[in-house]
Amino acid sequence: MQFTLLGDLVGGIGLFLLGMHLMTQGLRKAAGSSLKQILRTGTRSRLRGLVSGTLITAMVQSSGVVTIATIGFVNAGLLTLAQSVSVIYGCNIGTTMVGWLIALIGFKIKISALALPLIGGGMLLHLAGRGRLAHIGFALAGFGVFFIGLDFLKGAFADIEQHLDLSALGSNGLSLMLFVAAGFVLTLMMQSSAAALAITLSLTASGAIPLAAAAAMVIGANVGTTSTSIIAVLGATSNAKRIAAAHVLFNLITGLVGLGLLLLLAPWVNHIDAARFDLVLLLALFHSLFNLVGVALLWPLTDRLVAILERRFCTQEEDEGRPRYLDETLVQMPPLAIEAMAKEMTRLDQICSRMAREAISSSNGDTSRLRAQQLGVDQLVGKIGAFCQRIAENDISSEISATLPTALRLVRYLNEVSRLSCLLPGYYDRFEVIADEATRRDVHQYQKASIALIDACEIDDNVDSGADRAHLLLHQLERQYQSLKTSILLATTERRLSPEDTVQLLDALSHIHRLAEQAEKVSRYWSGITPLQHRDAAHTATTSPQH
C-alpha cells in the first residue's frame, strides 16, 4: 500500500514535470520569432517591459525561457539592463499564473473529462498539422499530461493525509521557516517552481498541512526559482550575471515581504473556514499579492539597482570602458584637463589598435570579445566627448579652443577603427577557403602589412607619434591594395575564384583598408592635442582641416 502510494506520488510529479516541459516547448516553438518581436517592441518603456515579461511568461509557462531570451537581447545590445530588469519583474508576476491555473481548473473539474481529450486532440493536431499548428498541438497534449499529473498528486496526498497528519503544526516563526525551506528545496530538486507549487496546493487541498504552512512553502518555491538562474549563469557573461542578480534580489525581497505578512497574519490564517473559503484559491492570491507588492517596492528603486548592478561583475572590456584620467575637478583648469584627456585618448588608441590587430590577423579574432571591447570603446568615446564639452564651457585660450575639435575628430576615427574591427570576423571563413594559392598568399601579405601600419600608428607616451613613417606605410599599403584588387579580379575572370568569394573578399579587404586609413589619420592629427611647446612644426601643419 505504501509502495503504491509512493509510486503515485513520484509518478504524479514526473507526469506534471513532463506536461510542463511539453507545454513550454510547444508554446515556445509556436510563438517562434514572436517572442523576440514582443520583447523588442514591448520594452521601449519600463512599464511595457513589465507587461511584456508578464504576458510572455504566462503564455509560455516558463520564466526560464523568457529570462534566457532577455539575457540574449542584452548581450546583443538590443535591450538595456534597465529594460531587462523590468522584464524580470514581469517574469515573476507571470509565474503566478500556474497557481491560478491549478486553482481555477485543476481542482474544479473532473480531470479525465479535460485531460484525455486534450492529449488526444493535441497529438492529432501535432500529427496532422504543420508548423505552428503542430507545435500548438504538442502544447495541448502537454497541457493534458500536466493535469493528469496533478490528478495523481491530489490522490497521493489525500492518502498521505491519512498516514501523516501535519495539520496540527503550529504557526510560529520556526515552523514557518521550516516550510519555507521545504518549498525552496523542492524547487531546487525539481528545477521547477510550478511543480513545487502543485505539490503545495495538493497538500492544502487534501488538508495535509495548514494554510499558513502552505503559504510558507509558496514563498520558499518563489525564492527557489532563483536557483535556476544562478545555475544557468555560472561562467556566463557579465550581463547574464547582472540579470540573475536582479532576479535573486527581487525574489529575496518579495520572499521577505511575503514572510513578514505571513508572520503577522499566521494566527488568523489557520482559522479560516475551509467550508466557506477556497484555500487553494487563497494561496494563488497570496502568491500573486506578494509578488505585486515586491514590484511596487522595487519599481522606484530600479535606476539605483541598475547602477549598482553595472558596477558588479565587470569584464576586462567593461572596466577598460571606464575613464581613468577624466577627473571632473580638472575641468576648471583647462590646460590640466587637456593633458588628462590626452592620456585617456592614448589609452583609447591602444585599445583600438589591439582590436584592429586581432581582427586583421583572422587567426585569433573572437566576435564576442571584439563586440564587448567595442561597447567599452563606445562608452569611453562618449565620456571623452562630454569632457570636451565641459572644458569648452570655461574661459579658454585660443590654443585650447582649437584643440577640442581635433580631439573630437580623433575619437571619431578611433571609434570607426573599433567598429570596422568588429565587422571583420564575419569574413574569416572567406579567408580560409580561398581556392587560389597565389591570392591566398597575397591576402596574407596584405594583412601583415596592415598590421605593421597599425603598429606604426599606435600612440604611446612619447610626443612623437611616428606620423611620417605611418604616412609612408599608408602609401605603400595603398599600392599593395590596388594591386591585390586587380589580381583578385583577374583570378575571378580566369575562374580561379568564384564570383561569390570575390565579392566577399573585396568587401573584407575594403574594411581592412578603411581601418588602416582611420588609424593613420589618428597618427597624423595626434600632434594637434599635445601641448603647443612640444609640437613638431611639420605635424602642426597637418592639423589643419583637410577632410
Protein backbone atom coordinates (compact mmCIF):
# COMPACT_ATOMS: atom_id res chain seq x y z
CA MET A 1 0.00 0.00 0.00
CA GLN A 2 2.76 2.40 0.96
CA PHE A 3 4.75 1.37 -2.14
CA THR A 4 1.73 2.13 -4.34
CA LEU A 5 1.32 5.48 -2.61
CA LEU A 6 4.97 6.34 -3.21
CA GLY A 7 4.64 5.29 -6.84
CA ASP A 8 1.61 7.52 -7.33
CA LEU A 9 3.44 10.43 -5.73
CA VAL A 10 6.65 10.04 -7.78
CA GLY A 11 4.71 9.28 -10.95
CA GLY A 12 2.44 12.26 -10.43
CA ILE A 13 5.42 14.60 -10.05
CA GLY A 14 7.01 13.06 -13.14
CA LEU A 15 3.87 13.47 -15.24
CA PHE A 16 3.44 17.03 -14.02
CA LEU A 17 7.03 17.92 -14.98
CA LEU A 18 6.67 16.16 -18.33
CA GLY A 19 3.44 18.05 -19.02
CA MET A 20 5.11 21.35 -18.12
CA HIS A 21 8.03 20.54 -20.43
CA LEU A 22 5.80 19.59 -23.38
CA MET A 23 3.59 22.62 -22.84
CA THR A 24 6.53 25.02 -22.58
CA GLN A 25 8.36 23.62 -25.62
CA GLY A 26 5.21 23.58 -27.72
CA LEU A 27 4.18 27.13 -26.83
CA ARG A 28 7.74 28.45 -27.25
CA LYS A 29 8.08 26.92 -30.72
CA ALA A 30 4.59 28.03 -31.70
CA ALA A 31 5.45 31.57 -30.67
CA GLY A 32 8.74 31.36 -32.61
CA SER A 33 10.13 34.76 -33.54
CA SER A 34 7.09 36.40 -31.92
CA LEU A 35 8.88 36.15 -28.57
CA LYS A 36 11.75 38.19 -29.94
CA GLN A 37 9.44 40.65 -31.63
CA ILE A 38 7.37 41.18 -28.48
CA LEU A 39 10.47 41.68 -26.37
CA ARG A 40 11.98 44.03 -28.92
CA THR A 41 8.90 46.24 -29.30
CA GLY A 42 7.42 45.69 -25.85
CA THR A 43 10.32 47.05 -23.82
CA ARG A 44 10.53 50.60 -25.11
CA SER A 45 9.46 51.77 -21.68
CA ARG A 46 9.86 50.20 -18.28
CA LEU A 47 6.12 49.69 -17.86
CA ARG A 48 5.84 47.99 -21.25
CA GLY A 49 8.75 45.75 -20.29
CA LEU A 50 6.91 44.73 -17.12
CA VAL A 51 3.73 43.93 -19.06
CA SER A 52 5.65 42.07 -21.78
CA GLY A 53 7.53 39.95 -19.25
CA THR A 54 4.26 39.07 -17.50
CA LEU A 55 2.35 38.18 -20.66
CA ILE A 56 5.12 36.17 -22.31
CA THR A 57 5.84 34.18 -19.15
CA ALA A 58 2.15 33.47 -18.68
CA MET A 59 1.93 32.41 -22.33
CA VAL A 60 4.91 30.01 -22.45
CA GLN A 61 4.59 28.98 -18.78
CA SER A 62 8.33 29.27 -18.22
CA SER A 63 10.20 32.20 -16.71
CA GLY A 64 13.45 30.45 -17.67
CA VAL A 65 12.74 30.75 -21.40
CA VAL A 66 11.94 34.45 -21.08
CA THR A 67 14.98 35.10 -18.85
CA ILE A 68 17.35 33.40 -21.32
CA ALA A 69 15.84 35.38 -24.22
CA THR A 70 16.23 38.59 -22.20
CA ILE A 71 19.90 37.82 -21.47
CA GLY A 72 20.48 37.23 -25.18
CA PHE A 73 18.94 40.58 -26.12
CA VAL A 74 21.02 42.43 -23.52
CA ASN A 75 24.23 40.80 -24.75
CA ALA A 76 23.32 41.74 -28.32
CA GLY A 77 22.77 45.36 -27.28
CA LEU A 78 19.04 45.26 -28.18
CA LEU A 79 17.93 45.75 -24.58
CA THR A 80 19.43 47.88 -21.85
CA LEU A 81 19.98 46.47 -18.39
CA ALA A 82 17.19 48.72 -17.06
CA GLN A 83 14.74 47.33 -19.62
CA SER A 84 15.75 43.75 -18.81
CA VAL A 85 15.19 44.30 -15.08
CA SER A 86 11.61 45.38 -15.76
CA VAL A 87 11.12 42.19 -17.82
CA ILE A 88 12.42 40.17 -14.84
CA TYR A 89 9.80 41.84 -12.65
CA GLY A 90 7.17 40.77 -15.14
CA CYS A 91 8.51 37.19 -15.27
CA ASN A 92 7.91 36.80 -11.55
CA ILE A 93 4.34 38.02 -11.87
CA GLY A 94 3.81 35.76 -14.89
CA THR A 95 4.89 32.64 -12.96
CA THR A 96 1.96 33.12 -10.58
CA MET A 97 -0.35 32.19 -13.47
CA VAL A 98 0.44 28.50 -12.85
CA GLY A 99 -1.10 28.75 -9.38
CA TRP A 100 -4.25 30.35 -10.79
CA LEU A 101 -4.43 27.67 -13.49
CA ILE A 102 -4.27 24.89 -10.91
CA ALA A 103 -6.65 26.61 -8.50
CA LEU A 104 -9.29 27.56 -11.06
CA ILE A 105 -9.20 24.45 -13.29
CA GLY A 106 -7.15 21.67 -11.71
CA PHE A 107 -9.28 21.39 -8.55
CA LYS A 108 -12.62 22.46 -10.01
CA ILE A 109 -13.39 19.94 -12.73
CA LYS A 110 -13.09 16.23 -13.36
CA ILE A 111 -9.56 15.82 -14.66
CA SER A 112 -10.23 12.93 -17.05
CA ALA A 113 -13.02 14.91 -18.71
CA LEU A 114 -10.49 17.56 -19.71
CA ALA A 115 -7.05 15.91 -19.79
CA LEU A 116 -7.65 12.92 -22.04
CA PRO A 117 -9.44 14.89 -24.80
CA LEU A 118 -6.63 17.46 -24.66
CA ILE A 119 -3.97 14.77 -25.10
CA GLY A 120 -5.86 13.05 -27.92
CA GLY A 121 -6.78 16.24 -29.74
CA GLY A 122 -3.37 17.76 -29.21
CA MET A 123 -1.49 14.78 -30.63
CA LEU A 124 -3.90 14.58 -33.57
CA LEU A 125 -3.22 18.25 -34.29
CA HIS A 126 0.52 17.65 -33.89
CA LEU A 127 0.48 14.77 -36.40
CA ALA A 128 -1.91 16.33 -38.92
CA GLY A 129 -0.89 19.96 -38.64
CA ARG A 130 2.21 21.73 -39.87
CA GLY A 131 4.41 24.45 -38.47
CA ARG A 132 2.75 26.49 -35.75
CA LEU A 133 -0.35 24.28 -35.60
CA ALA A 134 1.78 21.19 -34.92
CA HIS A 135 3.54 22.97 -32.04
CA ILE A 136 0.21 24.14 -30.60
CA GLY A 137 -0.98 20.53 -30.68
CA PHE A 138 2.14 19.47 -28.80
CA ALA A 139 1.42 22.15 -26.18
CA LEU A 140 -2.20 20.99 -25.80
CA ALA A 141 -1.04 17.41 -25.25
CA GLY A 142 1.38 18.68 -22.60
CA PHE A 143 -1.48 20.57 -21.02
CA GLY A 144 -3.40 17.30 -20.68
CA VAL A 145 -0.40 15.44 -19.22
CA PHE A 146 0.03 18.36 -16.79
CA PHE A 147 -3.49 17.80 -15.41
CA ILE A 148 -3.13 14.02 -15.23
CA GLY A 149 0.00 14.50 -13.13
CA LEU A 150 -1.92 16.91 -10.95
CA ASP A 151 -4.68 14.32 -10.51
CA PHE A 152 -2.16 11.72 -9.31
CA LEU A 153 -0.71 14.25 -6.86
CA LYS A 154 -4.16 15.02 -5.46
CA GLY A 155 -4.88 11.34 -4.89
CA ALA A 156 -1.45 10.60 -3.42
CA PHE A 157 -1.60 13.47 -0.94
CA ALA A 158 -5.15 12.59 0.06
CA ASP A 159 -3.84 9.15 1.07
CA ILE A 160 -0.75 10.64 2.76
CA GLU A 161 -3.03 12.79 4.91
CA GLN A 162 -4.43 9.57 6.45
CA HIS A 163 -0.95 8.35 7.44
CA LEU A 164 0.82 11.62 8.20
CA ASP A 165 -1.16 14.46 9.75
CA LEU A 166 0.73 17.75 9.63
CA SER A 167 -2.30 19.92 10.23
CA ALA A 168 -1.50 20.20 13.92
CA LEU A 169 1.77 22.01 13.26
CA GLY A 170 1.96 25.41 14.87
CA SER A 171 2.14 28.70 13.07
CA ASN A 172 5.17 30.02 14.96
CA GLY A 173 8.15 31.53 13.19
CA LEU A 174 10.35 28.42 13.39
CA SER A 175 7.70 26.14 11.86
CA LEU A 176 7.03 28.59 9.06
CA MET A 177 10.76 28.91 8.29
CA LEU A 178 10.98 25.11 8.01
CA PHE A 179 8.17 25.13 5.45
CA VAL A 180 9.86 27.98 3.55
CA ALA A 181 12.98 25.80 3.41
CA ALA A 182 10.87 22.85 2.24
CA GLY A 183 9.44 24.88 -0.65
CA PHE A 184 12.92 26.08 -1.61
CA VAL A 185 14.38 22.55 -1.56
CA LEU A 186 11.51 21.15 -3.64
CA THR A 187 12.06 23.81 -6.30
CA LEU A 188 15.83 23.28 -6.21
CA MET A 189 15.48 19.50 -6.61
CA MET A 190 12.94 19.61 -9.43
CA GLN A 191 14.16 22.88 -11.02
CA SER A 192 10.50 23.88 -11.34
CA SER A 193 8.64 26.23 -9.06
CA ALA A 194 5.43 25.15 -10.83
CA ALA A 195 5.92 21.56 -9.64
CA ALA A 196 6.67 22.71 -6.08
CA LEU A 197 3.58 24.91 -6.22
CA ALA A 198 1.44 22.00 -7.45
CA ILE A 199 2.64 19.84 -4.55
CA THR A 200 1.88 22.63 -2.09
CA LEU A 201 -1.59 23.25 -3.47
CA SER A 202 -2.30 19.50 -3.46
CA LEU A 203 -1.23 19.24 0.18
CA THR A 204 -3.53 22.13 1.02
CA ALA A 205 -6.49 20.70 -0.91
CA SER A 206 -6.12 17.36 0.88
CA GLY A 207 -5.91 19.08 4.27
CA ALA A 208 -2.48 17.54 4.96
CA ILE A 209 -0.92 20.89 6.01
CA PRO A 210 -2.42 24.07 7.45
CA LEU A 211 -2.87 27.14 5.27
CA ALA A 212 -0.06 29.14 6.93
CA ALA A 213 2.43 26.31 6.32
CA ALA A 214 1.32 26.07 2.68
CA ALA A 215 1.77 29.84 2.26
CA ALA A 216 5.30 29.48 3.66
CA MET A 217 6.03 26.74 1.11
CA VAL A 218 4.77 29.03 -1.67
CA ILE A 219 7.25 31.67 -0.50
CA GLY A 220 10.05 29.09 -0.49
CA ALA A 221 9.14 27.92 -4.01
CA ASN A 222 9.12 31.53 -5.21
CA VAL A 223 12.61 32.13 -3.80
CA GLY A 224 13.72 28.72 -5.14
CA THR A 225 13.26 29.86 -8.74
CA THR A 226 16.48 31.84 -8.31
CA SER A 227 18.45 28.59 -8.19
CA THR A 228 17.72 28.04 -11.89
CA SER A 229 19.07 31.49 -12.75
CA ILE A 230 22.18 31.02 -10.62
CA ILE A 231 22.99 27.65 -12.21
CA ALA A 232 22.31 29.00 -15.71
CA VAL A 233 24.79 31.89 -15.46
CA LEU A 234 27.75 30.02 -13.99
CA GLY A 235 30.64 31.03 -16.25
CA ALA A 236 28.32 33.24 -18.32
CA THR A 237 28.72 36.85 -19.41
CA SER A 238 28.65 39.77 -17.01
CA ASN A 239 25.24 40.88 -18.31
CA ALA A 240 23.83 37.41 -17.62
CA LYS A 241 25.19 37.57 -14.07
CA ARG A 242 23.66 41.02 -13.55
CA ILE A 243 20.24 39.86 -14.69
CA ALA A 244 20.49 36.76 -12.49
CA ALA A 245 21.49 39.00 -9.57
CA ALA A 246 18.44 41.20 -10.22
CA HIS A 247 16.27 38.07 -10.24
CA VAL A 248 17.76 36.84 -6.95
CA LEU A 249 17.42 40.23 -5.29
CA PHE A 250 13.82 40.65 -6.42
CA ASN A 251 12.79 37.20 -5.19
CA LEU A 252 14.55 37.61 -1.86
CA ILE A 253 12.80 40.92 -1.26
CA THR A 254 9.40 39.56 -2.29
CA GLY A 255 10.04 36.49 -0.11
CA LEU A 256 10.77 38.70 2.89
CA VAL A 257 7.63 40.73 2.18
CA GLY A 258 5.53 37.57 1.96
CA LEU A 259 7.08 36.11 5.12
CA GLY A 260 6.51 39.35 7.01
CA LEU A 261 2.84 39.36 6.01
CA LEU A 262 2.53 35.69 6.92
CA LEU A 263 4.12 36.05 10.36
CA LEU A 264 1.77 38.92 11.05
CA LEU A 265 -1.36 37.08 9.92
CA ALA A 266 -0.49 33.44 10.73
CA PRO A 267 -2.56 33.21 13.94
CA TRP A 268 -5.69 34.13 11.96
CA VAL A 269 -4.83 32.38 8.69
CA ASN A 270 -5.12 28.87 10.12
CA HIS A 271 -8.58 29.62 11.46
CA ILE A 272 -10.06 30.41 8.04
CA ASP A 273 -13.07 28.18 7.47
CA ALA A 274 -12.28 25.82 4.57
CA ALA A 275 -16.02 25.25 4.09
CA ARG A 276 -16.60 28.93 3.33
CA PHE A 277 -13.37 29.85 1.53
CA ASP A 278 -11.39 28.09 -1.20
CA LEU A 279 -7.97 27.67 0.45
CA VAL A 280 -6.24 26.77 -2.83
CA LEU A 281 -7.58 29.94 -4.43
CA LEU A 282 -6.40 31.96 -1.42
CA LEU A 283 -2.88 30.55 -1.86
CA ALA A 284 -2.83 31.57 -5.54
CA LEU A 285 -4.00 35.03 -4.50
CA PHE A 286 -1.30 35.25 -1.82
CA HIS A 287 1.38 34.22 -4.36
CA SER A 288 0.34 36.99 -6.75
CA LEU A 289 -0.08 39.53 -3.96
CA PHE A 290 3.41 39.41 -2.50
CA ASN A 291 4.99 39.46 -5.99
CA LEU A 292 2.97 42.56 -6.87
CA VAL A 293 3.99 44.19 -3.58
CA GLY A 294 7.63 43.36 -4.41
CA VAL A 295 7.32 45.11 -7.78
CA ALA A 296 5.69 48.13 -6.12
CA LEU A 297 8.59 48.35 -3.63
CA LEU A 298 11.40 47.96 -6.17
CA TRP A 299 9.88 49.95 -9.03
CA PRO A 300 11.00 53.40 -7.79
CA LEU A 301 14.43 51.97 -6.89
CA THR A 302 15.11 50.38 -10.30
CA ASP A 303 17.53 53.08 -11.51
CA ARG A 304 19.59 52.74 -8.35
CA LEU A 305 19.50 48.94 -8.63
CA VAL A 306 20.71 49.10 -12.25
CA ALA A 307 23.54 51.45 -11.28
CA ILE A 308 24.66 49.03 -8.55
CA LEU A 309 24.50 46.04 -10.90
CA GLU A 310 26.50 47.84 -13.60
CA ARG A 311 29.35 48.24 -11.11
CA ARG A 312 29.34 44.49 -10.41
CA PHE A 313 30.53 41.50 -12.45
CA CYS A 314 32.58 43.72 -14.76
CA THR A 315 34.64 42.12 -17.52
CA GLN A 316 38.05 43.44 -18.51
CA GLU A 317 36.49 45.09 -21.57
CA GLU A 318 33.86 46.89 -19.49
CA ASP A 319 36.49 48.00 -16.99
CA GLU A 320 38.53 49.44 -19.87
CA GLY A 321 35.48 51.43 -20.95
CA ARG A 322 35.57 53.46 -17.74
CA PRO A 323 37.62 56.68 -17.80
CA ARG A 324 40.77 56.64 -15.69
CA TYR A 325 42.04 60.18 -16.19
CA LEU A 326 38.93 62.32 -16.81
CA ASP A 327 38.68 63.85 -13.36
CA GLU A 328 35.81 66.34 -13.05
CA THR A 329 37.88 68.53 -10.75
CA LEU A 330 40.23 69.29 -13.67
CA VAL A 331 37.52 70.83 -15.85
CA GLN A 332 38.03 74.19 -14.15
CA MET A 333 41.74 74.07 -15.13
CA PRO A 334 41.63 73.59 -18.92
CA PRO A 335 45.40 73.06 -19.50
CA LEU A 336 45.45 70.20 -17.00
CA ALA A 337 42.15 68.88 -18.35
CA ILE A 338 43.64 68.71 -21.87
CA GLU A 339 46.60 66.68 -20.60
CA ALA A 340 44.27 64.28 -18.77
CA MET A 341 42.16 63.93 -21.91
CA ALA A 342 45.28 63.20 -23.97
CA LYS A 343 46.19 60.37 -21.57
CA GLU A 344 42.69 58.94 -21.84
CA MET A 345 42.83 59.12 -25.62
CA THR A 346 46.21 57.39 -25.61
CA ARG A 347 44.64 54.53 -23.71
CA LEU A 348 41.67 54.51 -26.11
CA ASP A 349 44.04 54.35 -29.07
CA GLN A 350 45.87 51.39 -27.54
CA ILE A 351 42.58 49.51 -27.04
CA CYS A 352 41.51 50.19 -30.65
CA SER A 353 44.94 49.21 -32.01
CA ARG A 354 44.75 45.92 -30.12
CA MET A 355 41.28 45.29 -31.56
CA ALA A 356 42.49 46.08 -35.09
CA ARG A 357 45.49 43.74 -34.87
CA GLU A 358 43.30 40.94 -33.52
CA ALA A 359 40.65 41.45 -36.21
CA ILE A 360 43.02 41.79 -39.18
CA SER A 361 45.10 38.74 -38.28
CA SER A 362 41.99 36.49 -38.63
CA SER A 363 43.76 33.83 -36.58
CA ASN A 364 42.61 34.66 -33.07
CA GLY A 365 39.76 37.12 -33.56
CA ASP A 366 36.74 36.41 -31.39
CA THR A 367 33.48 38.11 -32.35
CA SER A 368 32.01 38.21 -28.84
CA ARG A 369 35.21 39.59 -27.32
CA LEU A 370 35.56 42.23 -30.03
CA ARG A 371 31.92 43.20 -29.53
CA ALA A 372 32.48 43.56 -25.79
CA GLN A 373 35.54 45.73 -26.44
CA GLN A 374 33.59 47.88 -28.89
CA LEU A 375 30.94 48.56 -26.25
CA GLY A 376 33.73 49.72 -23.93
CA VAL A 377 35.14 51.94 -26.68
CA ASP A 378 31.70 53.44 -27.35
CA GLN A 379 31.34 54.23 -23.66
CA LEU A 380 34.80 55.82 -23.46
CA VAL A 381 34.23 57.86 -26.64
CA GLY A 382 31.03 59.26 -25.15
CA LYS A 383 32.81 60.20 -21.91
CA ILE A 384 35.63 61.95 -23.76
CA GLY A 385 33.14 63.89 -25.91
CA ALA A 386 31.22 65.04 -22.83
CA PHE A 387 34.51 66.02 -21.14
CA CYS A 388 35.39 68.17 -24.18
CA GLN A 389 32.06 69.97 -23.91
CA ARG A 390 32.57 70.72 -20.22
CA ILE A 391 36.05 72.10 -20.91
CA ALA A 392 34.60 74.38 -23.60
CA GLU A 393 32.17 75.88 -21.07
CA ASN A 394 35.10 77.65 -19.36
CA ASP A 395 37.00 80.75 -20.39
CA ILE A 396 39.64 79.01 -22.54
CA SER A 397 42.53 80.19 -24.68
CA SER A 398 42.54 80.09 -28.48
CA GLU A 399 45.05 77.22 -28.35
CA ILE A 400 42.74 75.05 -26.24
CA SER A 401 39.73 76.15 -28.31
CA ALA A 402 41.48 74.79 -31.40
CA THR A 403 42.49 71.58 -29.58
CA LEU A 404 38.97 70.43 -28.64
CA PRO A 405 37.63 69.90 -32.21
CA THR A 406 40.79 67.94 -33.03
CA ALA A 407 40.21 65.72 -30.01
CA LEU A 408 36.64 65.01 -31.15
CA ARG A 409 37.93 64.26 -34.66
CA LEU A 410 40.40 61.74 -33.23
CA VAL A 411 37.89 59.87 -31.08
CA ARG A 412 35.62 59.62 -34.13
CA TYR A 413 38.45 57.97 -36.09
CA LEU A 414 39.16 55.61 -33.21
CA ASN A 415 35.50 54.72 -32.89
CA GLU A 416 35.48 53.83 -36.57
CA VAL A 417 38.55 51.60 -36.07
CA SER A 418 36.71 49.65 -33.37
CA ARG A 419 33.53 49.39 -35.48
CA LEU A 420 35.38 48.05 -38.52
CA SER A 421 37.33 45.63 -36.32
CA CYS A 422 34.03 44.09 -35.15
CA LEU A 423 32.88 43.58 -38.74
CA LEU A 424 35.96 41.68 -39.95
CA PRO A 425 35.29 38.34 -38.18
CA GLY A 426 32.28 37.93 -40.45
CA TYR A 427 34.70 37.39 -43.35
CA TYR A 428 37.08 34.92 -41.69
CA ASP A 429 35.53 31.91 -43.40
CA ARG A 430 36.25 33.53 -46.78
CA PHE A 431 39.92 33.93 -45.89
CA GLU A 432 40.14 30.25 -45.00
CA VAL A 433 38.61 28.88 -48.21
CA ILE A 434 40.42 30.93 -50.86
CA ALA A 435 40.96 28.36 -53.57
CA ASP A 436 43.74 30.18 -55.44
CA GLU A 437 47.13 29.75 -53.74
CA ALA A 438 48.63 32.98 -55.15
CA THR A 439 45.63 35.01 -53.98
CA ARG A 440 45.79 33.45 -50.54
CA ARG A 441 49.47 34.38 -50.26
CA ASP A 442 48.85 37.98 -51.43
CA VAL A 443 45.98 38.41 -48.95
CA HIS A 444 48.19 37.14 -46.14
CA GLN A 445 50.92 39.62 -47.09
CA TYR A 446 48.37 42.44 -47.18
CA GLN A 447 47.18 41.51 -43.70
CA LYS A 448 50.77 41.57 -42.41
CA ALA A 449 51.39 44.98 -43.99
CA SER A 450 48.18 46.35 -42.48
CA ILE A 451 49.18 45.15 -39.00
CA ALA A 452 52.60 46.78 -39.47
CA LEU A 453 50.83 50.05 -40.24
CA ILE A 454 48.63 49.68 -37.13
CA ASP A 455 51.80 49.16 -35.06
CA ALA A 456 53.36 52.29 -36.54
CA CYS A 457 50.25 54.36 -35.89
CA GLU A 458 49.74 53.34 -32.25
CA ILE A 459 50.17 56.24 -29.85
CA ASP A 460 52.39 55.83 -26.83
CA ASP A 461 53.54 58.18 -24.10
CA ASN A 462 56.07 59.82 -26.40
CA VAL A 463 55.05 63.03 -28.10
CA ASP A 464 56.38 61.89 -31.46
CA SER A 465 53.76 59.51 -32.75
CA GLY A 466 55.67 58.39 -35.85
CA ALA A 467 53.22 60.13 -38.18
CA ASP A 468 55.73 60.46 -41.03
CA ARG A 469 56.52 56.74 -41.07
CA ALA A 470 52.83 55.88 -40.79
CA HIS A 471 52.01 58.16 -43.72
CA LEU A 472 54.71 56.46 -45.83
CA LEU A 473 53.44 52.99 -44.90
CA LEU A 474 49.88 54.00 -45.84
CA HIS A 475 51.04 54.99 -49.35
CA GLN A 476 52.78 51.64 -49.72
CA LEU A 477 49.71 49.84 -48.43
CA GLU A 478 47.52 51.74 -50.91
CA ARG A 479 49.62 50.50 -53.82
CA GLN A 480 49.52 46.97 -52.42
CA TYR A 481 45.74 47.20 -52.01
CA GLN A 482 45.15 48.31 -55.60
CA SER A 483 47.47 45.59 -56.91
CA LEU A 484 45.71 42.96 -54.80
CA LYS A 485 42.27 44.03 -56.06
CA THR A 486 43.49 43.75 -59.65
CA SER A 487 44.93 40.27 -59.08
CA ILE A 488 41.68 39.09 -57.39
CA LEU A 489 39.56 40.35 -60.29
CA LEU A 490 41.94 38.67 -62.75
CA ALA A 491 41.72 35.40 -60.79
CA THR A 492 37.94 35.64 -60.99
CA THR A 493 37.89 36.10 -64.75
CA GLU A 494 40.21 33.09 -65.06
CA ARG A 495 37.81 31.06 -62.85
CA ARG A 496 40.38 30.59 -60.09
CA LEU A 497 37.95 32.33 -57.72
CA SER A 498 34.15 32.18 -57.67
CA PRO A 499 32.19 35.46 -58.07
CA GLU A 500 30.69 34.98 -54.59
CA ASP A 501 34.12 34.59 -52.99
CA THR A 502 35.38 37.62 -54.89
CA VAL A 503 32.61 39.92 -53.64
CA GLN A 504 33.11 38.81 -50.03
CA LEU A 505 36.88 39.02 -50.27
CA LEU A 506 36.86 42.51 -51.78
CA ASP A 507 34.46 43.66 -49.06
CA ALA A 508 36.77 42.31 -46.37
CA LEU A 509 39.84 43.95 -47.92
CA SER A 510 37.94 47.23 -48.23
CA HIS A 511 37.18 47.07 -44.50
CA ILE A 512 40.84 46.47 -43.68
CA HIS A 513 41.90 49.30 -45.99
CA ARG A 514 39.47 51.77 -44.41
CA LEU A 515 40.52 50.63 -40.94
CA ALA A 516 44.17 51.34 -41.81
CA GLU A 517 43.23 54.78 -43.16
CA GLN A 518 41.43 55.68 -39.93
CA ALA A 519 44.41 54.56 -37.83
CA GLU A 520 46.78 56.66 -39.96
CA LYS A 521 44.56 59.72 -39.54
CA VAL A 522 44.85 59.33 -35.75
CA SER A 523 48.64 59.32 -36.06
CA ARG A 524 48.57 62.32 -38.42
CA TYR A 525 46.35 64.52 -36.25
CA TRP A 526 47.66 63.41 -32.87
CA SER A 527 50.10 66.30 -32.50
CA GLY A 528 47.07 68.63 -32.52
CA ILE A 529 46.21 67.75 -28.92
CA THR A 530 49.74 67.78 -27.49
CA PRO A 531 50.99 70.89 -25.65
CA LEU A 532 51.93 73.62 -28.12
CA GLN A 533 55.55 73.85 -26.93
CA HIS A 534 56.11 70.17 -27.77
CA ARG A 535 54.56 70.13 -31.20
CA ASP A 536 56.65 69.40 -34.29
CA ALA A 537 56.13 72.13 -36.87
CA ALA A 538 55.53 69.63 -39.64
CA HIS A 539 52.95 67.79 -37.55
CA THR A 540 51.23 71.01 -36.59
CA ALA A 541 50.68 71.82 -40.23
CA THR A 542 48.78 68.56 -40.72
CA THR A 543 46.17 69.51 -38.13
CA SER A 544 44.53 71.99 -40.47
CA PRO A 545 41.16 70.63 -41.60
CA GLN A 546 41.50 68.63 -44.82
CA HIS A 547 38.61 66.16 -44.79
